[in-house]
Each structure stands twice: as structure tokens, then as C-alpha cells.
Amino acid sequence: AEDQPWHRDFQAPPATLEGRRLNSLAFNLTAVDTRPEHGPF
């Protein structure tokens, strides 16, 4: 796998950009002991 482009998961809504309120969260649960050669997040 190659480097991904920098990105966000969704388009930012007005609630966040104007209201400075988060309306979604992402939880990452890792299934391996990540090493630098794995391509870390």
C-alpha cells in the first residue's frame, strides 16, 4: 500500500466550520502491534 493523500473522512458540516462543534467521531481499534514499516496512520 502506498501513501494515501491527506484527507478527512467527510466534508466538514457548518456545525463544525461555523459552530465549532464536532458531530462525528471515529474510533480506531488496532489489530496488530504497529511497526514503522507497516505504514502507520
All heavy atoms as atom14 arrays in JSON, in Angstrom:
{
  "sequence": "AEDQPWHRDFQAPPATLEGRRLNSLAFNLTAVDTRPEHGPF",
  "atom14_mask": [
    [1, 1, 1, 1, 1, 0, 0, 0, 0, 0, 0, 0, 0, 0],
    [1, 1, 1, 1, 1, 1, 1, 1, 1, 0, 0, 0, 0, 0],
    [1, 1, 1, 1, 1, 1, 1, 1, 0, 0, 0, 0, 0, 0],
    [1, 1, 1, 1, 1, 1, 1, 1, 1, 0, 0, 0, 0, 0],
    [1, 1, 1, 1, 1, 1, 1, 0, 0, 0, 0, 0, 0, 0],
    [1, 1, 1, 1, 1, 1, 1, 1, 1, 1, 1, 1, 1, 1],
    [1, 1, 1, 1, 1, 1, 1, 1, 1, 1, 0, 0, 0, 0],
    [1, 1, 1, 1, 1, 1, 1, 1, 1, 1, 1, 0, 0, 0],
    [1, 1, 1, 1, 1, 1, 1, 1, 0, 0, 0, 0, 0, 0],
    [1, 1, 1, 1, 1, 1, 1, 1, 1, 1, 1, 0, 0, 0],
    [1, 1, 1, 1, 1, 1, 1, 1, 1, 0, 0, 0, 0, 0],
    [1, 1, 1, 1, 1, 0, 0, 0, 0, 0, 0, 0, 0, 0],
    [1, 1, 1, 1, 1, 1, 1, 0, 0, 0, 0, 0, 0, 0],
    [1, 1, 1, 1, 1, 1, 1, 0, 0, 0, 0, 0, 0, 0],
    [1, 1, 1, 1, 1, 0, 0, 0, 0, 0, 0, 0, 0, 0],
    [1, 1, 1, 1, 1, 1, 1, 0, 0, 0, 0, 0, 0, 0],
    [1, 1, 1, 1, 1, 1, 1, 1, 0, 0, 0, 0, 0, 0],
    [1, 1, 1, 1, 1, 1, 1, 1, 1, 0, 0, 0, 0, 0],
    [1, 1, 1, 1, 0, 0, 0, 0, 0, 0, 0, 0, 0, 0],
    [1, 1, 1, 1, 1, 1, 1, 1, 1, 1, 1, 0, 0, 0],
    [1, 1, 1, 1, 1, 1, 1, 1, 1, 1, 1, 0, 0, 0],
    [1, 1, 1, 1, 1, 1, 1, 1, 0, 0, 0, 0, 0, 0],
    [1, 1, 1, 1, 1, 1, 1, 1, 0, 0, 0, 0, 0, 0],
    [1, 1, 1, 1, 1, 1, 0, 0, 0, 0, 0, 0, 0, 0],
    [1, 1, 1, 1, 1, 1, 1, 1, 0, 0, 0, 0, 0, 0],
    [1, 1, 1, 1, 1, 0, 0, 0, 0, 0, 0, 0, 0, 0],
    [1, 1, 1, 1, 1, 1, 1, 1, 1, 1, 1, 0, 0, 0],
    [1, 1, 1, 1, 1, 1, 1, 1, 0, 0, 0, 0, 0, 0],
    [1, 1, 1, 1, 1, 1, 1, 1, 0, 0, 0, 0, 0, 0],
    [1, 1, 1, 1, 1, 1, 1, 0, 0, 0, 0, 0, 0, 0],
    [1, 1, 1, 1, 1, 0, 0, 0, 0, 0, 0, 0, 0, 0],
    [1, 1, 1, 1, 1, 1, 1, 0, 0, 0, 0, 0, 0, 0],
    [1, 1, 1, 1, 1, 1, 1, 1, 0, 0, 0, 0, 0, 0],
    [1, 1, 1, 1, 1, 1, 1, 0, 0, 0, 0, 0, 0, 0],
    [1, 1, 1, 1, 1, 1, 1, 1, 1, 1, 1, 0, 0, 0],
    [1, 1, 1, 1, 1, 1, 1, 0, 0, 0, 0, 0, 0, 0],
    [1, 1, 1, 1, 1, 1, 1, 1, 1, 0, 0, 0, 0, 0],
    [1, 1, 1, 1, 1, 1, 1, 1, 1, 1, 0, 0, 0, 0],
    [1, 1, 1, 1, 0, 0, 0, 0, 0, 0, 0, 0, 0, 0],
    [1, 1, 1, 1, 1, 1, 1, 0, 0, 0, 0, 0, 0, 0],
    [1, 1, 1, 1, 1, 1, 1, 1, 1, 1, 1, 0, 0, 0]
  ],
  "atom14_positions": [
    [[0.86, -1.2, 0.0], [0.0, 0.0, 0.0], [0.88, 1.24, 0.0], [1.91, 1.28, 0.67], [-0.92, -0.01, 1.22], [0.0, 0.0, 0.0], [0.0, 0.0, 0.0], [0.0, 0.0, 0.0], [0.0, 0.0, 0.0], [0.0, 0.0, 0.0], [0.0, 0.0, 0.0], [0.0, 0.0, 0.0], [0.0, 0.0, 0.0], [0.0, 0.0, 0.0]],
    [[0.49, 2.23, -0.77], [1.26, 3.47, -0.87], [0.71, 4.53, 0.07], [-0.35, 4.36, 0.66], [1.21, 3.98, -2.32], [1.88, 3.05, -3.32], [3.38, 2.87, -3.05], [4.04, 3.86, -2.65], [3.88, 1.76, -3.24], [0.0, 0.0, 0.0], [0.0, 0.0, 0.0], [0.0, 0.0, 0.0], [0.0, 0.0, 0.0], [0.0, 0.0, 0.0]],
    [[1.44, 5.65, 0.18], [0.95, 6.76, 0.98], [-0.4, 7.2, 0.44], [-0.56, 7.38, -0.77], [1.9, 7.97, 0.91], [3.18, 7.78, 1.68], [3.23, 6.92, 2.58], [4.14, 8.52, 1.4], [0.0, 0.0, 0.0], [0.0, 0.0, 0.0], [0.0, 0.0, 0.0], [0.0, 0.0, 0.0], [0.0, 0.0, 0.0], [0.0, 0.0, 0.0]],
    [[-1.35, 7.4, 1.33], [-2.63, 7.96, 0.93], [-2.47, 9.47, 0.8], [-1.6, 10.07, 1.43], [-3.7, 7.69, 2.0], [-4.09, 6.26, 2.15], [-5.12, 6.09, 3.27], [-5.25, 6.92, 4.16], [-5.83, 4.99, 3.22], [0.0, 0.0, 0.0], [0.0, 0.0, 0.0], [0.0, 0.0, 0.0], [0.0, 0.0, 0.0], [0.0, 0.0, 0.0]],
    [[-3.35, 10.1, 0.02], [-3.35, 11.57, 0.03], [-3.9, 12.04, 1.38], [-4.68, 11.34, 2.03], [-4.3, 11.93, -1.11], [-5.18, 10.73, -1.29], [-4.34, 9.54, -0.88], [0.0, 0.0, 0.0], [0.0, 0.0, 0.0], [0.0, 0.0, 0.0], [0.0, 0.0, 0.0], [0.0, 0.0, 0.0], [0.0, 0.0, 0.0], [0.0, 0.0, 0.0]],
    [[-3.49, 13.21, 1.81], [-4.06, 13.78, 3.02], [-5.54, 13.99, 2.77], [-5.95, 14.45, 1.7], [-3.38, 15.11, 3.36], [-1.98, 14.94, 3.87], [-0.82, 15.09, 3.17], [-1.59, 14.57, 5.19], [0.26, 14.83, 3.96], [-0.19, 14.51, 5.22], [-2.3, 14.26, 6.36], [0.53, 14.18, 6.36], [-1.58, 13.93, 7.5], [-0.19, 13.89, 7.5]],
    [[-6.38, 13.65, 3.75], [-7.82, 13.75, 3.58], [-8.55, 13.76, 4.92], [-7.95, 13.5, 5.96], [-8.34, 12.59, 2.73], [-8.22, 11.25, 3.41], [-7.03, 10.55, 3.48], [-9.14, 10.5, 4.08], [-7.23, 9.43, 4.15], [-8.5, 9.36, 4.53], [0.0, 0.0, 0.0], [0.0, 0.0, 0.0], [0.0, 0.0, 0.0], [0.0, 0.0, 0.0]],
    [[-9.83, 14.05, 4.87], [-10.72, 13.84, 6.0], [-11.77, 12.85, 5.52], [-11.9, 12.61, 4.33], [-11.33, 15.14, 6.51], [-12.11, 15.92, 5.49], [-12.84, 17.16, 6.05], [-12.14, 17.87, 7.07], [-11.98, 19.19, 7.13], [-12.49, 19.94, 6.17], [-11.34, 19.76, 8.11], [0.0, 0.0, 0.0], [0.0, 0.0, 0.0], [0.0, 0.0, 0.0]],
    [[-12.52, 12.28, 6.45], [-13.45, 11.21, 6.08], [-14.74, 11.7, 5.44], [-15.39, 10.96, 4.7], [-13.79, 10.34, 7.3], [-12.58, 9.55, 7.77], [-11.64, 9.34, 6.97], [-12.57, 9.12, 8.94], [0.0, 0.0, 0.0], [0.0, 0.0, 0.0], [0.0, 0.0, 0.0], [0.0, 0.0, 0.0], [0.0, 0.0, 0.0], [0.0, 0.0, 0.0]],
    [[-15.13, 12.92, 5.73], [-16.35, 13.51, 5.19], [-16.12, 15.0, 4.97], [-15.21, 15.58, 5.55], [-17.53, 13.35, 6.17], [-17.85, 11.93, 6.51], [-17.4, 11.36, 7.7], [-18.59, 11.15, 5.64], [-17.68, 10.04, 8.01], [-18.87, 9.83, 5.94], [-18.43, 9.28, 7.13], [0.0, 0.0, 0.0], [0.0, 0.0, 0.0], [0.0, 0.0, 0.0]],
    [[-16.99, 15.6, 4.2], [-16.98, 17.05, 4.06], [-17.38, 17.66, 5.41], [-18.3, 17.17, 6.07], [-17.94, 17.48, 2.98], [-17.92, 18.95, 2.7], [-18.73, 19.31, 1.46], [-19.29, 18.46, 0.8], [-18.78, 20.58, 1.17], [0.0, 0.0, 0.0], [0.0, 0.0, 0.0], [0.0, 0.0, 0.0], [0.0, 0.0, 0.0], [0.0, 0.0, 0.0]],
    [[-16.69, 18.69, 5.83], [-16.99, 19.32, 7.11], [-18.32, 20.06, 7.04], [-18.54, 20.85, 6.13], [-15.87, 20.28, 7.49], [0.0, 0.0, 0.0], [0.0, 0.0, 0.0], [0.0, 0.0, 0.0], [0.0, 0.0, 0.0], [0.0, 0.0, 0.0], [0.0, 0.0, 0.0], [0.0, 0.0, 0.0], [0.0, 0.0, 0.0], [0.0, 0.0, 0.0]],
    [[-19.2, 19.82, 8.01], [-20.51, 20.48, 8.02], [-20.42, 21.88, 8.65], [-19.48, 22.18, 9.38], [-21.35, 19.55, 8.88], [-20.37, 19.0, 9.87], [-19.09, 18.84, 9.08], [0.0, 0.0, 0.0], [0.0, 0.0, 0.0], [0.0, 0.0, 0.0], [0.0, 0.0, 0.0], [0.0, 0.0, 0.0], [0.0, 0.0, 0.0], [0.0, 0.0, 0.0]],
    [[-21.43, 22.7, 8.43], [-21.47, 24.01, 9.08], [-21.39, 23.91, 10.61], [-20.82, 24.79, 11.25], [-22.82, 24.6, 8.63], [-23.1, 23.93, 7.33], [-22.53, 22.53, 7.47], [0.0, 0.0, 0.0], [0.0, 0.0, 0.0], [0.0, 0.0, 0.0], [0.0, 0.0, 0.0], [0.0, 0.0, 0.0], [0.0, 0.0, 0.0], [0.0, 0.0, 0.0]],
    [[-21.95, 22.86, 11.18], [-21.9, 22.69, 12.65], [-20.47, 22.76, 13.15], [-20.2, 23.27, 14.24], [-22.54, 21.37, 13.07], [0.0, 0.0, 0.0], [0.0, 0.0, 0.0], [0.0, 0.0, 0.0], [0.0, 0.0, 0.0], [0.0, 0.0, 0.0], [0.0, 0.0, 0.0], [0.0, 0.0, 0.0], [0.0, 0.0, 0.0], [0.0, 0.0, 0.0]],
    [[-19.53, 22.25, 12.35], [-18.12, 22.25, 12.75], [-17.41, 23.52, 12.3], [-16.75, 24.18, 13.1], [-17.41, 21.01, 12.17], [-18.05, 19.84, 12.68], [-15.95, 20.99, 12.56], [0.0, 0.0, 0.0], [0.0, 0.0, 0.0], [0.0, 0.0, 0.0], [0.0, 0.0, 0.0], [0.0, 0.0, 0.0], [0.0, 0.0, 0.0], [0.0, 0.0, 0.0]],
    [[-17.55, 23.86, 11.02], [-16.8, 25.01, 10.5], [-17.29, 26.34, 11.06], [-16.48, 27.22, 11.34], [-16.87, 25.03, 8.97], [-16.19, 23.86, 8.26], [-16.32, 24.02, 6.75], [-14.73, 23.74, 8.67], [0.0, 0.0, 0.0], [0.0, 0.0, 0.0], [0.0, 0.0, 0.0], [0.0, 0.0, 0.0], [0.0, 0.0, 0.0], [0.0, 0.0, 0.0]],
    [[-18.59, 26.49, 11.24], [-19.13, 27.76, 11.74], [-19.4, 27.69, 13.24], [-19.14, 28.63, 13.95], [-20.41, 28.1, 10.97], [-20.16, 28.33, 9.49], [-21.43, 28.27, 8.66], [-22.54, 28.36, 9.22], [-21.3, 28.12, 7.43], [0.0, 0.0, 0.0], [0.0, 0.0, 0.0], [0.0, 0.0, 0.0], [0.0, 0.0, 0.0], [0.0, 0.0, 0.0]],
    [[-19.94, 26.57, 13.68], [-20.33, 26.45, 15.09], [-19.26, 25.88, 15.99], [-19.43, 25.84, 17.2], [0.0, 0.0, 0.0], [0.0, 0.0, 0.0], [0.0, 0.0, 0.0], [0.0, 0.0, 0.0], [0.0, 0.0, 0.0], [0.0, 0.0, 0.0], [0.0, 0.0, 0.0], [0.0, 0.0, 0.0], [0.0, 0.0, 0.0], [0.0, 0.0, 0.0]],
    [[-18.14, 25.42, 15.39], [-17.02, 24.84, 16.15], [-17.49, 23.69, 17.05], [-17.07, 23.53, 18.18], [-16.3, 25.9, 16.99], [-15.78, 27.08, 16.21], [-14.63, 26.75, 15.36], [-13.4, 26.73, 16.15], [-12.21, 26.58, 15.61], [-12.1, 26.44, 14.33], [-11.15, 26.56, 16.37], [0.0, 0.0, 0.0], [0.0, 0.0, 0.0], [0.0, 0.0, 0.0]],
    [[-18.4, 22.86, 16.48], [-18.93, 21.72, 17.21], [-18.69, 20.46, 16.4], [-18.99, 20.4, 15.21], [-20.45, 21.89, 17.43], [-21.09, 20.74, 18.18], [-22.56, 20.99, 18.45], [-23.36, 21.15, 17.24], [-23.87, 20.13, 16.54], [-23.67, 18.89, 16.91], [-24.59, 20.38, 15.46], [0.0, 0.0, 0.0], [0.0, 0.0, 0.0], [0.0, 0.0, 0.0]],
    [[-18.12, 19.45, 17.04], [-17.92, 18.16, 16.37], [-19.23, 17.39, 16.39], [-19.9, 17.33, 17.42], [-16.84, 17.36, 17.09], [-15.45, 18.0, 17.14], [-14.5, 17.12, 17.92], [-14.94, 18.25, 15.74], [0.0, 0.0, 0.0], [0.0, 0.0, 0.0], [0.0, 0.0, 0.0], [0.0, 0.0, 0.0], [0.0, 0.0, 0.0], [0.0, 0.0, 0.0]],
    [[-19.6, 16.8, 15.24], [-20.81, 15.99, 15.23], [-20.55, 14.56, 14.76], [-21.49, 13.83, 14.45], [-21.94, 16.66, 14.45], [-21.7, 16.73, 12.96], [-20.66, 16.32, 12.46], [-22.69, 17.24, 12.24], [0.0, 0.0, 0.0], [0.0, 0.0, 0.0], [0.0, 0.0, 0.0], [0.0, 0.0, 0.0], [0.0, 0.0, 0.0], [0.0, 0.0, 0.0]],
    [[-19.29, 14.17, 14.72], [-18.94, 12.78, 14.43], [-17.59, 12.46, 15.05], [-16.75, 13.34, 15.22], [-18.91, 12.51, 12.92], [-17.88, 13.26, 12.3], [0.0, 0.0, 0.0], [0.0, 0.0, 0.0], [0.0, 0.0, 0.0], [0.0, 0.0, 0.0], [0.0, 0.0, 0.0], [0.0, 0.0, 0.0], [0.0, 0.0, 0.0], [0.0, 0.0, 0.0]],
    [[-17.43, 11.2, 15.41], [-16.17, 10.69, 15.93], [-15.81, 9.41, 15.21], [-16.7, 8.67, 14.76], [-16.27, 10.4, 17.43], [-16.44, 11.58, 18.36], [-16.71, 11.1, 19.79], [-15.2, 12.48, 18.32], [0.0, 0.0, 0.0], [0.0, 0.0, 0.0], [0.0, 0.0, 0.0], [0.0, 0.0, 0.0], [0.0, 0.0, 0.0], [0.0, 0.0, 0.0]],
    [[-14.53, 9.14, 15.1], [-14.03, 7.86, 14.57], [-13.15, 7.23, 15.63], [-12.26, 7.89, 16.18], [-13.25, 8.09, 13.28], [0.0, 0.0, 0.0], [0.0, 0.0, 0.0], [0.0, 0.0, 0.0], [0.0, 0.0, 0.0], [0.0, 0.0, 0.0], [0.0, 0.0, 0.0], [0.0, 0.0, 0.0], [0.0, 0.0, 0.0], [0.0, 0.0, 0.0]],
    [[-13.42, 5.98, 15.91], [-12.62, 5.2, 16.86], [-11.83, 4.17, 16.06], [-12.42, 3.45, 15.24], [-13.51, 4.51, 17.89], [-14.23, 5.47, 18.78], [-15.47, 5.99, 18.42], [-13.67, 5.88, 19.98], [-16.14, 6.89, 19.24], [-14.33, 6.77, 20.8], [-15.56, 7.28, 20.43], [0.0, 0.0, 0.0], [0.0, 0.0, 0.0], [0.0, 0.0, 0.0]],
    [[-10.53, 4.11, 16.26], [-9.67, 3.11, 15.61], [-9.23, 2.11, 16.66], [-8.64, 2.5, 17.68], [-8.45, 3.77, 14.98], [-8.78, 4.59, 13.75], [-9.93, 4.77, 13.41], [-7.76, 5.08, 13.09], [0.0, 0.0, 0.0], [0.0, 0.0, 0.0], [0.0, 0.0, 0.0], [0.0, 0.0, 0.0], [0.0, 0.0, 0.0], [0.0, 0.0, 0.0]],
    [[-9.49, 0.83, 16.4], [-9.09, -0.26, 17.29], [-8.09, -1.12, 16.53], [-8.45, -1.77, 15.53], [-10.3, -1.08, 17.72], [-11.3, -0.33, 18.61], [-12.29, 0.45, 17.78], [-12.01, -1.3, 19.5], [0.0, 0.0, 0.0], [0.0, 0.0, 0.0], [0.0, 0.0, 0.0], [0.0, 0.0, 0.0], [0.0, 0.0, 0.0], [0.0, 0.0, 0.0]],
    [[-6.86, -1.11, 16.97], [-5.76, -1.72, 16.24], [-5.68, -3.22, 16.48], [-5.79, -3.67, 17.61], [-4.45, -1.04, 16.65], [-4.58, 0.36, 16.4], [-3.27, -1.56, 15.87], [0.0, 0.0, 0.0], [0.0, 0.0, 0.0], [0.0, 0.0, 0.0], [0.0, 0.0, 0.0], [0.0, 0.0, 0.0], [0.0, 0.0, 0.0], [0.0, 0.0, 0.0]],
    [[-5.46, -3.98, 15.41], [-5.44, -5.44, 15.5], [-4.03, -6.04, 15.46], [-3.88, -7.25, 15.56], [-6.28, -6.04, 14.37], [0.0, 0.0, 0.0], [0.0, 0.0, 0.0], [0.0, 0.0, 0.0], [0.0, 0.0, 0.0], [0.0, 0.0, 0.0], [0.0, 0.0, 0.0], [0.0, 0.0, 0.0], [0.0, 0.0, 0.0], [0.0, 0.0, 0.0]],
    [[-2.99, -5.2, 15.3], [-1.61, -5.69, 15.3], [-0.74, -4.7, 16.07], [-1.12, -3.55, 16.27], [-1.03, -5.85, 13.87], [-1.77, -6.9, 13.08], [-1.01, -4.53, 13.12], [0.0, 0.0, 0.0], [0.0, 0.0, 0.0], [0.0, 0.0, 0.0], [0.0, 0.0, 0.0], [0.0, 0.0, 0.0], [0.0, 0.0, 0.0], [0.0, 0.0, 0.0]],
    [[0.42, -5.14, 16.5], [1.41, -4.23, 17.06], [2.04, -3.49, 15.87], [2.78, -4.07, 15.08], [2.49, -4.99, 17.84], [1.95, -5.62, 19.1], [0.86, -5.23, 19.57], [2.62, -6.53, 19.64], [0.0, 0.0, 0.0], [0.0, 0.0, 0.0], [0.0, 0.0, 0.0], [0.0, 0.0, 0.0], [0.0, 0.0, 0.0], [0.0, 0.0, 0.0]],
    [[1.73, -2.22, 15.74], [2.15, -1.45, 14.57], [3.63, -1.08, 14.66], [4.1, -0.58, 15.67], [1.31, -0.16, 14.46], [-0.07, -0.51, 14.48], [1.62, 0.58, 13.17], [0.0, 0.0, 0.0], [0.0, 0.0, 0.0], [0.0, 0.0, 0.0], [0.0, 0.0, 0.0], [0.0, 0.0, 0.0], [0.0, 0.0, 0.0], [0.0, 0.0, 0.0]],
    [[4.33, -1.38, 13.57], [5.74, -1.02, 13.44], [5.87, 0.03, 12.34], [5.0, 0.13, 11.47], [6.56, -2.26, 13.08], [6.46, -3.38, 14.1], [7.41, -4.56, 13.77], [7.53, -4.88, 12.37], [6.78, -5.78, 11.72], [5.82, -6.42, 12.34], [6.97, -6.02, 10.44], [0.0, 0.0, 0.0], [0.0, 0.0, 0.0], [0.0, 0.0, 0.0]],
    [[6.94, 0.81, 12.32], [7.09, 1.86, 11.29], [6.94, 1.32, 9.87], [6.36, 2.0, 9.01], [8.49, 2.39, 11.54], [8.72, 2.17, 13.0], [8.04, 0.85, 13.31], [0.0, 0.0, 0.0], [0.0, 0.0, 0.0], [0.0, 0.0, 0.0], [0.0, 0.0, 0.0], [0.0, 0.0, 0.0], [0.0, 0.0, 0.0], [0.0, 0.0, 0.0]],
    [[7.4, 0.11, 9.6], [7.31, -0.43, 8.24], [5.89, -0.84, 7.84], [5.62, -1.12, 6.67], [8.3, -1.58, 8.03], [8.12, -2.75, 8.96], [8.91, -2.65, 10.26], [9.33, -1.54, 10.65], [9.11, -3.69, 10.89], [0.0, 0.0, 0.0], [0.0, 0.0, 0.0], [0.0, 0.0, 0.0], [0.0, 0.0, 0.0], [0.0, 0.0, 0.0]],
    [[4.95, -0.89, 8.8], [3.55, -1.22, 8.5], [2.81, -0.11, 7.77], [1.7, -0.32, 7.29], [2.77, -1.51, 9.79], [2.9, -2.89, 10.29], [3.14, -3.17, 11.61], [2.8, -4.09, 9.66], [3.2, -4.47, 11.77], [3.0, -5.04, 10.61], [0.0, 0.0, 0.0], [0.0, 0.0, 0.0], [0.0, 0.0, 0.0], [0.0, 0.0, 0.0]],
    [[3.38, 1.08, 7.73], [2.66, 2.21, 7.15], [1.7, 2.79, 8.17], [0.49, 2.74, 8.0], [0.0, 0.0, 0.0], [0.0, 0.0, 0.0], [0.0, 0.0, 0.0], [0.0, 0.0, 0.0], [0.0, 0.0, 0.0], [0.0, 0.0, 0.0], [0.0, 0.0, 0.0], [0.0, 0.0, 0.0], [0.0, 0.0, 0.0], [0.0, 0.0, 0.0]],
    [[2.23, 3.34, 9.24], [1.36, 3.85, 10.3], [0.44, 4.98, 9.86], [0.73, 5.7, 8.9], [2.33, 4.35, 11.37], [3.68, 4.22, 10.84], [3.64, 3.55, 9.51], [0.0, 0.0, 0.0], [0.0, 0.0, 0.0], [0.0, 0.0, 0.0], [0.0, 0.0, 0.0], [0.0, 0.0, 0.0], [0.0, 0.0, 0.0], [0.0, 0.0, 0.0]],
    [[-0.63, 5.1, 10.57], [-1.6, 6.17, 10.43], [-0.92, 7.47, 10.84], [-0.19, 7.5, 11.82], [-2.74, 5.83, 11.38], [-3.93, 6.72, 11.32], [-4.77, 6.73, 10.22], [-4.25, 7.53, 12.4], [-5.9, 7.53, 10.19], [-5.37, 8.33, 12.38], [-6.2, 8.33, 11.27], [0.0, 0.0, 0.0], [0.0, 0.0, 0.0], [0.0, 0.0, 0.0]]
  ]
}
